[in-house]
C-alpha atoms as a PDB file:
ATOM      1  CA  VAL A   1       0.000   0.000   0.000  1.00  0.00           C
ATOM      2  CA  GLY A   2       2.588   2.583   1.003  1.00  0.00           C
ATOM      3  CA  LYS A   3       2.744   5.977   2.596  1.00  0.00           C
ATOM      4  CA  TYR A   4       0.628   7.672  -0.125  1.00  0.00           C
ATOM      5  CA  ALA A   5      -2.361   5.297   0.125  1.00  0.00           C
ATOM      6  CA  ASP A   6      -4.612   7.746   1.965  1.00  0.00           C
ATOM      7  CA  LYS A   7      -3.888  10.725  -0.277  1.00  0.00           C
ATOM      8  CA  ILE A   8      -5.913  12.240  -3.102  1.00  0.00           C
ATOM      9  CA  TYR A   9      -4.020  14.040  -5.833  1.00  0.00           C
ATOM     10  CA  HIS A  10      -4.892  16.266  -8.734  1.00  0.00           C
ATOM     11  CA  MET A  11      -2.485  16.316 -11.634  1.00  0.00           C
ATOM     12  CA  THR A  12      -1.994  20.053 -11.032  1.00  0.00           C
ATOM     13  CA  PHE A  13      -3.287  21.037  -7.567  1.00  0.00           C
ATOM     14  CA  PRO A  14      -1.590  19.410  -5.579  1.00  0.00           C
ATOM     15  CA  PRO A  15       0.429  17.282  -7.973  1.00  0.00           C
ATOM     16  CA  PRO A  16       1.439  13.808  -6.879  1.00  0.00           C
ATOM     17  CA  PRO A  17       5.001  13.100  -5.811  1.00  0.00           C
ATOM     18  CA  ALA A  18       7.222  12.128  -8.747  1.00  0.00           C
ATOM     19  CA  ASP A  19       7.855   8.633  -7.375  1.00  0.00           C
ATOM     20  CA  ILE A  20       4.186   7.601  -7.686  1.00  0.00           C
ATOM     21  CA  VAL A  21       2.981   9.414 -10.825  1.00  0.00           C
ATOM     22  CA  ASP A  22       3.301   6.310 -12.992  1.00  0.00           C
ATOM     23  CA  ARG A  23       1.166   4.252 -10.591  1.00  0.00           C
ATOM     24  CA  LEU A  24      -1.795   6.643 -10.550  1.00  0.00           C
ATOM     25  CA  THR A  25      -4.944   6.138 -12.572  1.00  0.00           C
ATOM     26  CA  GLN A  26      -7.596   8.569 -13.705  1.00  0.00           C
ATOM     27  CA  ARG A  27     -11.282   7.696 -13.843  1.00  0.00           C
ATOM     28  CA  SER A  28     -12.696   7.429 -17.356  1.00  0.00           C
ATOM     29  CA  ASP A  29     -15.435   9.911 -16.445  1.00  0.00           C
ATOM     30  CA  ASP A  30     -12.975  12.402 -14.954  1.00  0.00           C
ATOM     31  CA  THR A  31     -13.071  14.857 -17.837  1.00  0.00           C
ATOM     32  CA  GLU A  32     -14.071  18.489 -18.135  1.00  0.00           C
ATOM     33  CA  GLU A  33     -16.974  17.530 -20.400  1.00  0.00           C
ATOM     34  CA  LYS A  34     -18.344  15.016 -17.886  1.00  0.00           C
ATOM     35  CA  ALA A  35     -17.872  17.438 -14.992  1.00  0.00           C
ATOM     36  CA  MET A  36     -19.746  20.174 -16.878  1.00  0.00           C
ATOM     37  CA  ASN A  37     -22.586  17.743 -17.564  1.00  0.00           C
ATOM     38  CA  ARG A  38     -22.764  16.705 -13.891  1.00  0.00           C
ATOM     39  CA  LEU A  39     -22.884  20.382 -12.902  1.00  0.00           C
ATOM     40  CA  LYS A  40     -25.670  21.035 -15.435  1.00  0.00           C
ATOM     41  CA  VAL A  41     -27.705  18.122 -14.034  1.00  0.00           C
ATOM     42  CA  HIS A  42     -27.072  19.353 -10.484  1.00  0.00           C
ATOM     43  CA  HIS A  43     -28.338  22.844 -11.313  1.00  0.00           C
ATOM     44  CA  SER A  44     -31.377  21.369 -13.032  1.00  0.00           C
ATOM     45  CA  ASN A  45     -32.201  19.321  -9.938  1.00  0.00           C
ATOM     46  CA  VAL A  46     -31.646  22.268  -7.605  1.00  0.00           C
ATOM     47  CA  ASP A  47     -33.818  24.518  -9.764  1.00  0.00           C
ATOM     48  CA  ALA A  48     -36.623  21.940  -9.660  1.00  0.00           C
ATOM     49  CA  VAL A  49     -36.487  21.731  -5.858  1.00  0.00           C
ATOM     50  CA  VAL A  50     -36.277  25.514  -5.439  1.00  0.00           C
ATOM     51  CA  GLY A  51     -39.265  25.944  -7.739  1.00  0.00           C
ATOM     52  CA  LYS A  52     -41.335  23.516  -5.716  1.00  0.00           C
ATOM     53  CA  TYR A  53     -40.397  24.804  -2.255  1.00  0.00           C
ATOM     54  CA  ALA A  54     -39.650  28.493  -2.897  1.00  0.00           C
ATOM     55  CA  ASP A  55     -42.410  29.603  -0.529  1.00  0.00           C
ATOM     56  CA  LYS A  56     -40.920  27.519   2.293  1.00  0.00           C
ATOM     57  CA  MET A  57     -37.231  28.279   1.746  1.00  0.00           C
ATOM     58  CA  LYS A  58     -35.179  30.658   3.837  1.00  0.00           C
ATOM     59  CA  ASN A  59     -31.892  32.211   2.769  1.00  0.00           C
ATOM     60  CA  ILE A  60     -29.138  32.138   5.353  1.00  0.00           C
ATOM     61  CA  ASP A  61     -25.837  33.974   5.089  1.00  0.00           C
ATOM     62  CA  GLY A  62     -23.323  31.231   5.754  1.00  0.00           C
ATOM     63  CA  ASP A  63     -20.388  33.611   5.534  1.00  0.00           C
ATOM     64  CA  ARG A  64     -20.441  34.282   9.259  1.00  0.00           C
ATOM     65  CA  ALA A  65     -19.310  32.619  12.442  1.00  0.00           C
ATOM     66  CA  LYS A  66     -20.807  29.148  12.741  1.00  0.00           C
ATOM     67  CA  THR A  67     -22.454  30.078  16.038  1.00  0.00           C
ATOM     68  CA  GLU A  68     -24.321  32.922  14.306  1.00  0.00           C
ATOM     69  CA  VAL A  69     -25.403  30.700  11.422  1.00  0.00           C
ATOM     70  CA  PHE A  70     -26.540  27.988  13.833  1.00  0.00           C
ATOM     71  CA  ALA A  71     -28.484  30.495  15.915  1.00  0.00           C
ATOM     72  CA  GLU A  72     -30.281  31.774  12.818  1.00  0.00           C
ATOM     73  CA  ILE A  73     -31.134  28.225  11.723  1.00  0.00           C
ATOM     74  CA  CYS A  74     -32.503  27.444  15.200  1.00  0.00           C
ATOM     75  CA  GLY A  75     -34.588  30.618  15.094  1.00  0.00           C
ATOM     76  CA  ILE A  76     -36.088  29.665  11.738  1.00  0.00           C
ATOM     77  CA  ILE A  77     -36.897  26.174  12.983  1.00  0.00           C
ATOM     78  CA  ASP A  78     -38.483  27.565  16.146  1.00  0.00           C
ATOM     79  CA  GLU A  79     -40.773  29.744  14.011  1.00  0.00           C
ATOM     80  CA  MET A  80     -42.115  26.738  12.083  1.00  0.00           C
END
């Protein structure tokens, strides 16, 4: 197995160590085209859910301290 067994590498960010590059494999569906398609499907699914539950959804600013975000979530749940 070796010392790199628990690591995940990207060919650019972060690149694998030179001594294991030849042993690495890449998934057949790991292409930009496939990733773009998965993202398109994801957005389609999200849009469908948002459309159905828009009147029940709440927007929360997650770019704050986790205690603030949690407190806001608890407040929304308490109001239900």
